[in-house]
Every structure is written in structure tokens, then in C-alpha cells.
PDB file of N, CA and C in Angstrom:
ATOM      1  N   MET A   1       0.845  -1.147   0.013  1.00  0.00           N
ATOM      2  CA  MET A   1       0.032   0.026  -0.012  1.00  0.00           C
ATOM      3  C   MET A   1       0.882   1.250   0.012  1.00  0.00           C
ATOM      4  N   LYS A   2       0.477   2.220  -0.689  1.00  0.00           N
ATOM      5  CA  LYS A   2       1.145   3.516  -0.811  1.00  0.00           C
ATOM      6  C   LYS A   2       0.230   4.606  -0.200  1.00  0.00           C
ATOM      7  N   LEU A   3       0.785   5.723   0.132  1.00  0.00           N
ATOM      8  CA  LEU A   3      -0.036   6.800   0.734  1.00  0.00           C
ATOM      9  C   LEU A   3      -0.034   8.010  -0.262  1.00  0.00           C
ATOM     10  N   GLY A   4      -1.174   8.681  -0.307  1.00  0.00           N
ATOM     11  CA  GLY A   4      -1.327   9.807  -1.168  1.00  0.00           C
ATOM     12  C   GLY A   4      -2.268  10.829  -0.564  1.00  0.00           C
ATOM     13  N   HIS A   5      -2.100  12.098  -1.051  1.00  0.00           N
ATOM     14  CA  HIS A   5      -2.808  13.212  -0.542  1.00  0.00           C
ATOM     15  C   HIS A   5      -3.892  13.609  -1.639  1.00  0.00           C
ATOM     16  N   VAL A   6      -5.202  13.587  -1.227  1.00  0.00           N
ATOM     17  CA  VAL A   6      -6.275  13.912  -2.203  1.00  0.00           C
ATOM     18  C   VAL A   6      -6.189  15.430  -2.559  1.00  0.00           C
ATOM     19  N   ILE A   7      -5.997  15.671  -3.884  1.00  0.00           N
ATOM     20  CA  ILE A   7      -5.855  17.025  -4.382  1.00  0.00           C
ATOM     21  C   ILE A   7      -7.030  17.492  -5.240  1.00  0.00           C
ATOM     22  N   GLY A   8      -7.941  16.526  -5.556  1.00  0.00           N
ATOM     23  CA  GLY A   8      -9.033  16.936  -6.388  1.00  0.00           C
ATOM     24  C   GLY A   8      -9.965  15.727  -6.652  1.00  0.00           C
ATOM     25  N   LYS A   9     -10.957  15.962  -7.444  1.00  0.00           N
ATOM     26  CA  LYS A   9     -11.868  14.873  -7.901  1.00  0.00           C
ATOM     27  C   LYS A   9     -12.057  14.919  -9.393  1.00  0.00           C
ATOM     28  N   VAL A  10     -12.440  13.794  -9.905  1.00  0.00           N
ATOM     29  CA  VAL A  10     -12.594  13.649 -11.323  1.00  0.00           C
ATOM     30  C   VAL A  10     -14.122  13.501 -11.607  1.00  0.00           C
ATOM     31  N   THR A  11     -14.664  14.245 -12.499  1.00  0.00           N
ATOM     32  CA  THR A  11     -16.069  14.190 -12.900  1.00  0.00           C
ATOM     33  C   THR A  11     -16.235  13.452 -14.218  1.00  0.00           C
ATOM     34  N   LEU A  12     -17.124  12.505 -14.251  1.00  0.00           N
ATOM     35  CA  LEU A  12     -17.363  11.747 -15.422  1.00  0.00           C
ATOM     36  C   LEU A  12     -18.761  12.025 -16.016  1.00  0.00           C
ATOM     37  N   ASN A  13     -18.855  11.979 -17.317  1.00  0.00           N
ATOM     38  CA  ASN A  13     -20.126  12.184 -17.956  1.00  0.00           C
ATOM     39  C   ASN A  13     -20.775  10.824 -18.212  1.00  0.00           C
ATOM     40  N   GLN A  14     -20.004   9.770 -18.288  1.00  0.00           N
ATOM     41  CA  GLN A  14     -20.471   8.370 -18.415  1.00  0.00           C
ATOM     42  C   GLN A  14     -19.588   7.529 -17.574  1.00  0.00           C
ATOM     43  N   ARG A  15     -20.083   6.352 -17.119  1.00  0.00           N
ATOM     44  CA  ARG A  15     -19.238   5.501 -16.303  1.00  0.00           C
ATOM     45  C   ARG A  15     -19.624   4.071 -16.521  1.00  0.00           C
ATOM     46  N   GLU A  16     -18.677   3.179 -16.231  1.00  0.00           N
ATOM     47  CA  GLU A  16     -18.842   1.751 -16.201  1.00  0.00           C
ATOM     48  C   GLU A  16     -19.756   1.411 -15.060  1.00  0.00           C
ATOM     49  N   GLU A  17     -20.751   0.525 -15.308  1.00  0.00           N
ATOM     50  CA  GLU A  17     -21.689   0.172 -14.287  1.00  0.00           C
ATOM     51  C   GLU A  17     -21.065  -0.360 -12.989  1.00  0.00           C
ATOM     52  N   SER A  18     -19.917  -1.035 -13.044  1.00  0.00           N
ATOM     53  CA  SER A  18     -19.280  -1.611 -11.894  1.00  0.00           C
ATOM     54  C   SER A  18     -18.676  -0.496 -10.983  1.00  0.00           C
ATOM     55  N   TYR A  19     -18.702   0.770 -11.375  1.00  0.00           N
ATOM     56  CA  TYR A  19     -18.260   1.866 -10.606  1.00  0.00           C
ATOM     57  C   TYR A  19     -19.362   2.444  -9.699  1.00  0.00           C
ATOM     58  N   ARG A  20     -20.552   1.889  -9.741  1.00  0.00           N
ATOM     59  CA  ARG A  20     -21.659   2.420  -8.998  1.00  0.00           C
ATOM     60  C   ARG A  20     -21.305   2.424  -7.484  1.00  0.00           C
ATOM     61  N   GLY A  21     -21.667   3.577  -6.838  1.00  0.00           N
ATOM     62  CA  GLY A  21     -21.413   3.632  -5.416  1.00  0.00           C
ATOM     63  C   GLY A  21     -20.004   4.269  -5.035  1.00  0.00           C
ATOM     64  N   GLY A  22     -19.324   4.662  -6.042  1.00  0.00           N
ATOM     65  CA  GLY A  22     -17.986   5.247  -5.760  1.00  0.00           C
ATOM     66  C   GLY A  22     -17.698   6.405  -6.685  1.00  0.00           C
ATOM     67  N   ARG A  23     -16.501   6.980  -6.632  1.00  0.00           N
ATOM     68  CA  ARG A  23     -16.089   8.091  -7.446  1.00  0.00           C
ATOM     69  C   ARG A  23     -14.626   8.016  -7.656  1.00  0.00           C
ATOM     70  N   PHE A  24     -14.130   8.924  -8.432  1.00  0.00           N
ATOM     71  CA  PHE A  24     -12.672   9.000  -8.680  1.00  0.00           C
ATOM     72  C   PHE A  24     -12.061  10.218  -8.084  1.00  0.00           C
ATOM     73  N   LEU A  25     -10.888  10.042  -7.496  1.00  0.00           N
ATOM     74  CA  LEU A  25     -10.189  11.128  -6.876  1.00  0.00           C
ATOM     75  C   LEU A  25      -8.845  11.339  -7.506  1.00  0.00           C
ATOM     76  N   MET A  26      -8.333  12.556  -7.578  1.00  0.00           N
ATOM     77  CA  MET A  26      -6.986  12.865  -8.066  1.00  0.00           C
ATOM     78  C   MET A  26      -6.127  12.896  -6.759  1.00  0.00           C
ATOM     79  N   ILE A  27      -5.039  12.214  -6.799  1.00  0.00           N
ATOM     80  CA  ILE A  27      -4.193  12.216  -5.629  1.00  0.00           C
ATOM     81  C   ILE A  27      -2.707  12.501  -6.020  1.00  0.00           C
ATOM     82  N   GLN A  28      -1.952  12.968  -5.049  1.00  0.00           N
ATOM     83  CA  GLN A  28      -0.476  13.111  -5.205  1.00  0.00           C
ATOM     84  C   GLN A  28       0.200  12.172  -4.259  1.00  0.00           C
ATOM     85  N   PRO A  29       0.936  11.269  -4.766  1.00  0.00           N
ATOM     86  CA  PRO A  29       1.661  10.270  -3.793  1.00  0.00           C
ATOM     87  C   PRO A  29       2.536  11.079  -2.798  1.00  0.00           C
ATOM     88  N   LEU A  30       2.544  10.638  -1.584  1.00  0.00           N
ATOM     89  CA  LEU A  30       3.408  11.227  -0.546  1.00  0.00           C
ATOM     90  C   LEU A  30       4.858  10.761  -0.728  1.00  0.00           C
ATOM     91  N   GLY A  31       5.763  11.712  -0.509  1.00  0.00           N
ATOM     92  CA  GLY A  31       7.169  11.340  -0.480  1.00  0.00           C
ATOM     93  C   GLY A  31       7.597  11.215   0.969  1.00  0.00           C
ATOM     94  N   ARG A  32       8.857  10.796   1.116  1.00  0.00           N
ATOM     95  CA  ARG A  32       9.477  10.532   2.402  1.00  0.00           C
ATOM     96  C   ARG A  32       9.301  11.742   3.347  1.00  0.00           C
ATOM     97  N   GLN A  33       9.533  12.978   2.823  1.00  0.00           N
ATOM     98  CA  GLN A  33       9.439  14.176   3.583  1.00  0.00           C
ATOM     99  C   GLN A  33       8.102  14.400   4.200  1.00  0.00           C
ATOM    100  N   GLN A  34       7.018  14.168   3.372  1.00  0.00           N
ATOM    101  CA  GLN A  34       5.690  14.394   3.821  1.00  0.00           C
ATOM    102  C   GLN A  34       5.336  13.350   4.901  1.00  0.00           C
ATOM    103  N   MET A  35       5.780  12.095   4.778  1.00  0.00           N
ATOM    104  CA  MET A  35       5.547  11.129   5.773  1.00  0.00           C
ATOM    105  C   MET A  35       6.231  11.431   7.081  1.00  0.00           C
ATOM    106  N   ALA A  36       7.330  12.185   7.019  1.00  0.00           N
ATOM    107  CA  ALA A  36       8.043  12.553   8.221  1.00  0.00           C
ATOM    108  C   ALA A  36       7.564  13.843   8.832  1.00  0.00           C
ATOM    109  N   GLY A  37       6.542  14.423   8.196  1.00  0.00           N
ATOM    110  CA  GLY A  37       5.868  15.572   8.880  1.00  0.00           C
ATOM    111  C   GLY A  37       5.995  16.917   8.097  1.00  0.00           C
ATOM    112  N   ALA A  38       6.648  16.862   6.943  1.00  0.00           N
ATOM    113  CA  ALA A  38       6.699  18.067   6.129  1.00  0.00           C
ATOM    114  C   ALA A  38       5.359  18.460   5.643  1.00  0.00           C
ATOM    115  N   PRO A  39       5.078  19.705   5.437  1.00  0.00           N
ATOM    116  CA  PRO A  39       3.720  20.108   4.937  1.00  0.00           C
ATOM    117  C   PRO A  39       3.275  19.432   3.611  1.00  0.00           C
ATOM    118  N   LEU A  40       2.009  19.141   3.523  1.00  0.00           N
ATOM    119  CA  LEU A  40       1.572  18.472   2.269  1.00  0.00           C
ATOM    120  C   LEU A  40       1.552  19.505   1.118  1.00  0.00           C
ATOM    121  N   LEU A  41       1.357  20.758   1.418  1.00  0.00           N
ATOM    122  CA  LEU A  41       1.357  21.780   0.384  1.00  0.00           C
ATOM    123  C   LEU A  41       2.520  22.753   0.622  1.00  0.00           C
ATOM    124  N   PRO A  42       3.167  23.256  -0.400  1.00  0.00           N
ATOM    125  CA  PRO A  42       2.905  23.055  -1.782  1.00  0.00           C
ATOM    126  C   PRO A  42       3.130  21.579  -2.219  1.00  0.00           C
ATOM    127  N   LEU A  43       2.502  21.207  -3.258  1.00  0.00           N
ATOM    128  CA  LEU A  43       2.662  19.795  -3.741  1.00  0.00           C
ATOM    129  C   LEU A  43       4.117  19.541  -4.081  1.00  0.00           C
ATOM    130  N   PRO A  44       4.611  18.316  -3.693  1.00  0.00           N
ATOM    131  CA  PRO A  44       5.944  17.973  -4.121  1.00  0.00           C
ATOM    132  C   PRO A  44       5.924  17.617  -5.624  1.00  0.00           C
ATOM    133  N   LYS A  45       7.099  17.711  -6.246  1.00  0.00           N
ATOM    134  CA  LYS A  45       7.189  17.294  -7.659  1.00  0.00           C
ATOM    135  C   LYS A  45       6.869  15.797  -7.708  1.00  0.00           C
ATOM    136  N   GLY A  46       6.161  15.390  -8.685  1.00  0.00           N
ATOM    137  CA  GLY A  46       5.823  14.015  -8.861  1.00  0.00           C
ATOM    138  C   GLY A  46       4.647  13.889  -9.738  1.00  0.00           C
ATOM    139  N   ASN A  47       4.215  12.649  -9.921  1.00  0.00           N
ATOM    140  CA  ASN A  47       3.047  12.328 -10.761  1.00  0.00           C
ATOM    141  C   ASN A  47       1.838  12.123  -9.932  1.00  0.00           C
ATOM    142  N   SER A  48       0.796  12.824 -10.320  1.00  0.00           N
ATOM    143  CA  SER A  48      -0.475  12.638  -9.655  1.00  0.00           C
ATOM    144  C   SER A  48      -1.198  11.500 -10.416  1.00  0.00           C
ATOM    145  N   LEU A  49      -2.167  10.867  -9.734  1.00  0.00           N
ATOM    146  CA  LEU A  49      -2.876   9.787 -10.370  1.00  0.00           C
ATOM    147  C   LEU A  49      -4.291   9.781  -9.948  1.00  0.00           C
ATOM    148  N   VAL A  50      -5.130   8.989 -10.671  1.00  0.00           N
ATOM    149  CA  VAL A  50      -6.532   8.896 -10.435  1.00  0.00           C
ATOM    150  C   VAL A  50      -6.784   7.574  -9.660  1.00  0.00           C
ATOM    151  N   VAL A  51      -7.512   7.691  -8.551  1.00  0.00           N
ATOM    152  CA  VAL A  51      -7.850   6.526  -7.685  1.00  0.00           C
ATOM    153  C   VAL A  51      -9.324   6.312  -7.597  1.00  0.00           C
ATOM    154  N   TYR A  52      -9.862   5.115  -7.689  1.00  0.00           N
ATOM    155  CA  TYR A  52     -11.279   4.838  -7.434  1.00  0.00           C
ATOM    156  C   TYR A  52     -11.454   4.819  -5.928  1.00  0.00           C
ATOM    157  N   ASP A  53     -12.531   5.522  -5.432  1.00  0.00           N
ATOM    158  CA  ASP A  53     -12.813   5.609  -3.993  1.00  0.00           C
ATOM    159  C   ASP A  53     -14.270   5.301  -3.700  1.00  0.00           C
ATOM    160  N   ASN A  54     -14.492   4.304  -2.859  1.00  0.00           N
ATOM    161  CA  ASN A  54     -15.843   4.085  -2.389  1.00  0.00           C
ATOM    162  C   ASN A  54     -15.972   4.216  -0.844  1.00  0.00           C
ATOM    163  N   LEU A  55     -14.899   4.828  -0.217  1.00  0.00           N
ATOM    164  CA  LEU A  55     -14.899   5.008   1.185  1.00  0.00           C
ATOM    165  C   LEU A  55     -15.363   6.383   1.630  1.00  0.00           C
ATOM    166  N   GLY A  56     -15.326   7.348   0.693  1.00  0.00           N
ATOM    167  CA  GLY A  56     -15.783   8.719   1.005  1.00  0.00           C
ATOM    168  C   GLY A  56     -14.659   9.643   1.382  1.00  0.00           C
ATOM    169  N   ALA A  57     -13.457   9.440   0.886  1.00  0.00           N
ATOM    170  CA  ALA A  57     -12.352  10.369   1.176  1.00  0.00           C
ATOM    171  C   ALA A  57     -12.689  11.704   0.498  1.00  0.00           C
ATOM    172  N   GLY A  58     -12.164  12.794   1.061  1.00  0.00           N
ATOM    173  CA  GLY A  58     -12.385  14.096   0.539  1.00  0.00           C
ATOM    174  C   GLY A  58     -11.138  14.887   0.334  1.00  0.00           C
ATOM    175  N   LEU A  59     -11.306  16.038  -0.237  1.00  0.00           N
ATOM    176  CA  LEU A  59     -10.188  16.971  -0.553  1.00  0.00           C
ATOM    177  C   LEU A  59      -9.318  17.208   0.700  1.00  0.00           C
ATOM    178  N   GLY A  60      -8.042  17.001   0.654  1.00  0.00           N
ATOM    179  CA  GLY A  60      -7.136  17.190   1.730  1.00  0.00           C
ATOM    180  C   GLY A  60      -6.858  15.958   2.559  1.00  0.00           C
ATOM    181  N   ASP A  61      -7.662  14.886   2.398  1.00  0.00           N
ATOM    182  CA  ASP A  61      -7.417  13.694   3.122  1.00  0.00           C
ATOM    183  C   ASP A  61      -6.150  12.942   2.667  1.00  0.00           C
ATOM    184  N   VAL A  62      -5.577  12.170   3.466  1.00  0.00           N
ATOM    185  CA  VAL A  62      -4.480  11.252   3.207  1.00  0.00           C
ATOM    186  C   VAL A  62      -5.116   9.848   3.060  1.00  0.00           C
ATOM    187  N   ILE A  63      -4.839   9.216   2.017  1.00  0.00           N
ATOM    188  CA  ILE A  63      -5.365   7.822   1.784  1.00  0.00           C
ATOM    189  C   ILE A  63      -4.310   6.846   1.564  1.00  0.00           C
ATOM    190  N   GLY A  64      -4.641   5.581   1.820  1.00  0.00           N
ATOM    191  CA  GLY A  64      -3.770   4.428   1.465  1.00  0.00           C
ATOM    192  C   GLY A  64      -4.370   3.808   0.219  1.00  0.00           C
ATOM    193  N   TYR A  65      -3.574   3.629  -0.772  1.00  0.00           N
ATOM    194  CA  TYR A  65      -4.091   3.063  -2.054  1.00  0.00           C
ATOM    195  C   TYR A  65      -3.220   1.945  -2.572  1.00  0.00           C
ATOM    196  N   VAL A  66      -3.821   1.120  -3.399  1.00  0.00           N
ATOM    197  CA  VAL A  66      -3.125   0.025  -4.085  1.00  0.00           C
ATOM    198  C   VAL A  66      -3.270   0.231  -5.510  1.00  0.00           C
ATOM    199  N   GLU A  67      -2.321  -0.364  -6.273  1.00  0.00           N
ATOM    200  CA  GLU A  67      -2.307  -0.239  -7.711  1.00  0.00           C
ATOM    201  C   GLU A  67      -2.257  -1.645  -8.364  1.00  0.00           C
ATOM    202  N   GLY A  68      -2.519  -1.698  -9.658  1.00  0.00           N
ATOM    203  CA  GLY A  68      -2.386  -2.953 -10.397  1.00  0.00           C
ATOM    204  C   GLY A  68      -3.427  -3.968 -10.107  1.00  0.00           C
ATOM    205  N   ALA A  69      -2.984  -5.244 -10.085  1.00  0.00           N
ATOM    206  CA  ALA A  69      -3.942  -6.375  -9.864  1.00  0.00           C
ATOM    207  C   ALA A  69      -4.700  -6.210  -8.523  1.00  0.00           C
ATOM    208  N   GLU A  70      -3.981  -5.686  -7.518  1.00  0.00           N
ATOM    209  CA  GLU A  70      -4.599  -5.587  -6.163  1.00  0.00           C
ATOM    210  C   GLU A  70      -5.776  -4.606  -6.210  1.00  0.00           C
ATOM    211  N   ALA A  71      -5.748  -3.635  -7.121  1.00  0.00           N
ATOM    212  CA  ALA A  71      -6.758  -2.636  -7.235  1.00  0.00           C
ATOM    213  C   ALA A  71      -8.099  -3.232  -7.699  1.00  0.00           C
ATOM    214  N   THR A  72      -8.029  -4.332  -8.418  1.00  0.00           N
ATOM    215  CA  THR A  72      -9.209  -4.980  -8.979  1.00  0.00           C
ATOM    216  C   THR A  72      -9.826  -5.960  -7.925  1.00  0.00           C
ATOM    217  N   ALA A  73      -9.141  -6.290  -6.882  1.00  0.00           N
ATOM    218  CA  ALA A  73      -9.632  -7.315  -5.940  1.00  0.00           C
ATOM    219  C   ALA A  73     -10.960  -6.988  -5.283  1.00  0.00           C
ATOM    220  N   PRO A  74     -11.286  -5.773  -4.951  1.00  0.00           N
ATOM    221  CA  PRO A  74     -12.527  -5.489  -4.312  1.00  0.00           C
ATOM    222  C   PRO A  74     -13.771  -5.654  -5.189  1.00  0.00           C
ATOM    223  N   PHE A  75     -13.609  -5.745  -6.492  1.00  0.00           N
ATOM    224  CA  PHE A  75     -14.740  -5.850  -7.418  1.00  0.00           C
ATOM    225  C   PHE A  75     -15.097  -7.282  -7.645  1.00  0.00           C
ATOM    226  N   THR A  76     -16.367  -7.546  -7.753  1.00  0.00           N
ATOM    227  CA  THR A  76     -16.889  -8.947  -7.964  1.00  0.00           C
ATOM    228  C   THR A  76     -16.756  -9.378  -9.449  1.00  0.00           C
ATOM    229  N   GLN A  77     -16.721  -8.406 -10.340  1.00  0.00           N
ATOM    230  CA  GLN A  77     -16.538  -8.679 -11.790  1.00  0.00           C
ATOM    231  C   GLN A  77     -15.264  -8.009 -12.251  1.00  0.00           C
ATOM    232  N   PRO A  78     -14.662  -8.495 -13.402  1.00  0.00           N
ATOM    233  CA  PRO A  78     -13.494  -7.801 -13.926  1.00  0.00           C
ATOM    234  C   PRO A  78     -13.862  -6.342 -14.216  1.00  0.00           C
ATOM    235  N   THR A  79     -13.020  -5.399 -13.617  1.00  0.00           N
ATOM    236  CA  THR A  79     -13.303  -4.042 -13.640  1.00  0.00           C
ATOM    237  C   THR A  79     -12.022  -3.259 -14.095  1.00  0.00           C
ATOM    238  N   PRO A  80     -12.093  -2.392 -15.118  1.00  0.00           N
ATOM    239  CA  PRO A  80     -10.920  -1.626 -15.533  1.00  0.00           C
ATOM    240  C   PRO A  80     -10.514  -0.517 -14.540  1.00  0.00           C
ATOM    241  N   VAL A  81      -9.698  -0.844 -13.561  1.00  0.00           N
ATOM    242  CA  VAL A  81      -9.289   0.149 -12.595  1.00  0.00           C
ATOM    243  C   VAL A  81      -7.764  -0.030 -12.339  1.00  0.00           C
ATOM    244  N   ASP A  82      -7.018   1.040 -12.241  1.00  0.00           N
ATOM    245  CA  ASP A  82      -5.593   0.990 -12.037  1.00  0.00           C
ATOM    246  C   ASP A  82      -5.151   1.219 -10.543  1.00  0.00           C
ATOM    247  N   ALA A  83      -6.038   2.020  -9.819  1.00  0.00           N
ATOM    248  CA  ALA A  83      -5.678   2.338  -8.432  1.00  0.00           C
ATOM    249  C   ALA A  83      -6.956   2.378  -7.601  1.00  0.00           C
ATOM    250  N   PHE A  84      -6.900   1.857  -6.345  1.00  0.00           N
ATOM    251  CA  PHE A  84      -8.060   1.754  -5.515  1.00  0.00           C
ATOM    252  C   PHE A  84      -7.776   2.260  -4.125  1.00  0.00           C
ATOM    253  N   ASN A  85      -8.601   3.122  -3.552  1.00  0.00           N
ATOM    254  CA  ASN A  85      -8.475   3.665  -2.201  1.00  0.00           C
ATOM    255  C   ASN A  85      -8.827   2.553  -1.197  1.00  0.00           C
ATOM    256  N   ALA A  86      -7.843   2.106  -0.403  1.00  0.00           N
ATOM    257  CA  ALA A  86      -8.105   1.008   0.535  1.00  0.00           C
ATOM    258  C   ALA A  86      -8.216   1.535   1.940  1.00  0.00           C
ATOM    259  N   ALA A  87      -7.877   2.816   2.234  1.00  0.00           N
ATOM    260  CA  ALA A  87      -7.964   3.288   3.593  1.00  0.00           C
ATOM    261  C   ALA A  87      -7.895   4.798   3.579  1.00  0.00           C
ATOM    262  N   ILE A  88      -8.598   5.431   4.564  1.00  0.00           N
ATOM    263  CA  ILE A  88      -8.462   6.801   4.844  1.00  0.00           C
ATOM    264  C   ILE A  88      -7.586   6.913   6.153  1.00  0.00           C
ATOM    265  N   ILE A  89      -6.539   7.627   6.032  1.00  0.00           N
ATOM    266  CA  ILE A  89      -5.453   7.646   7.110  1.00  0.00           C
ATOM    267  C   ILE A  89      -5.781   8.802   8.041  1.00  0.00           C
ATOM    268  N   ASP A  90      -5.770   8.484   9.321  1.00  0.00           N
ATOM    269  CA  ASP A  90      -5.989   9.464  10.385  1.00  0.00           C
ATOM    270  C   ASP A  90      -4.687  10.201  10.756  1.00  0.00           C
ATOM    271  N   THR A  91      -3.628   9.347  11.106  1.00  0.00           N
ATOM    272  CA  THR A  91      -2.338   9.913  11.519  1.00  0.00           C
ATOM    273  C   THR A  91      -1.216   9.055  10.934  1.00  0.00           C
ATOM    274  N   ILE A  92      -0.109   9.676  10.740  1.00  0.00           N
ATOM    275  CA  ILE A  92       1.068   8.979  10.251  1.00  0.00           C
ATOM    276  C   ILE A  92       2.191   9.191  11.296  1.00  0.00           C
ATOM    277  N   THR A  93       2.816   8.115  11.714  1.00  0.00           N
ATOM    278  CA  THR A  93       3.962   8.156  12.600  1.00  0.00           C
ATOM    279  C   THR A  93       5.112   7.489  11.816  1.00  0.00           C
ATOM    280  N   TYR A  94       6.088   8.265  11.533  1.00  0.00           N
ATOM    281  CA  TYR A  94       7.192   7.777  10.673  1.00  0.00           C
ATOM    282  C   TYR A  94       8.527   8.267  11.281  1.00  0.00           C
ATOM    283  N   GLN A  95       9.430   7.261  11.512  1.00  0.00           N
ATOM    284  CA  GLN A  95      10.748   7.610  12.038  1.00  0.00           C
ATOM    285  C   GLN A  95      11.690   6.977  11.038  1.00  0.00           C
ATOM    286  N   PRO A  96      12.364   7.878  10.214  1.00  0.00           N
ATOM    287  CA  PRO A  96      13.317   7.251   9.217  1.00  0.00           C
ATOM    288  C   PRO A  96      14.489   6.527   9.969  1.00  0.00           C
ATOM    289  N   PRO A  97      15.000   5.510   9.318  1.00  0.00           N
ATOM    290  CA  PRO A  97      16.107   4.787   9.870  1.00  0.00           C
ATOM    291  C   PRO A  97      17.336   5.716  10.000  1.00  0.00           C
ATOM    292  N   SER A  98      18.152   5.494  11.065  1.00  0.00           N
ATOM    293  CA  SER A  98      19.361   6.309  11.201  1.00  0.00           C
ATOM    294  C   SER A  98      20.301   5.983  10.070  1.00  0.00           C
ATOM    295  N   GLN A  99      21.033   7.023   9.642  1.00  0.00           N
ATOM    296  CA  GLN A  99      22.003   6.848   8.553  1.00  0.00           C
ATOM    297  C   GLN A  99      23.400   6.734   9.210  1.00  0.00           C
ATOM    298  N   SER A 100      23.862   5.514   9.367  1.00  0.00           N
ATOM    299  CA  SER A 100      25.166   5.363   9.964  1.00  0.00           C
ATOM    300  C   SER A 100      26.184   4.765   9.023  1.00  0.00           C
TER     301      SER A 100
END
């Protein structure tokens, strides 16, 4: 699982029926600095991505997401999805390993 910061939402004019009950969010993956407590804004350089969400995450939330084959596991039928929101994160406690 990876962590990401919700930076927006995606609006569709048509959707696959298997997406009923959820929506798509635009997220920015968190870097090591953000996990260690650096501010989430301004956005770090990196690639944003679209994640399917049926948990109700909102703008500014930190989520745990999975990609690839794991993203399709929650669906009962084969569904074209690349990333899935698996958790809404309350707090992050991160202590980087000492560099010796």
C-alpha cells in the first residue's frame, strides 16, 4: 500500500456500471518528507494519479491506495481500474532509519 494526498476529484459524464457507489479522486503520492511531517502543500514534484474511491475520502485527506492487480480485488466482476483507495489515514507516525 502507498500513501497519497487527495488534491481533487474527477467528474465523469459516463461510467462503467461496476463503478456504482464510488467516485474517482486525483491524488498526489506522498514522499518521504511528507511522511516525516513536512507540509503536504505546496505539492511535491511528482506524478498525480486517479484513484477509485468508495470509502468517502475528501479533498485534503491522506489515503492508502493500491495499484495494479490488487486494485481490482474489491470488485466482484472484472473491472478496468488501475488504483483503488483502501484506507483513509488518520495519523502517520514515521521515524526514518538512522544513517550510519
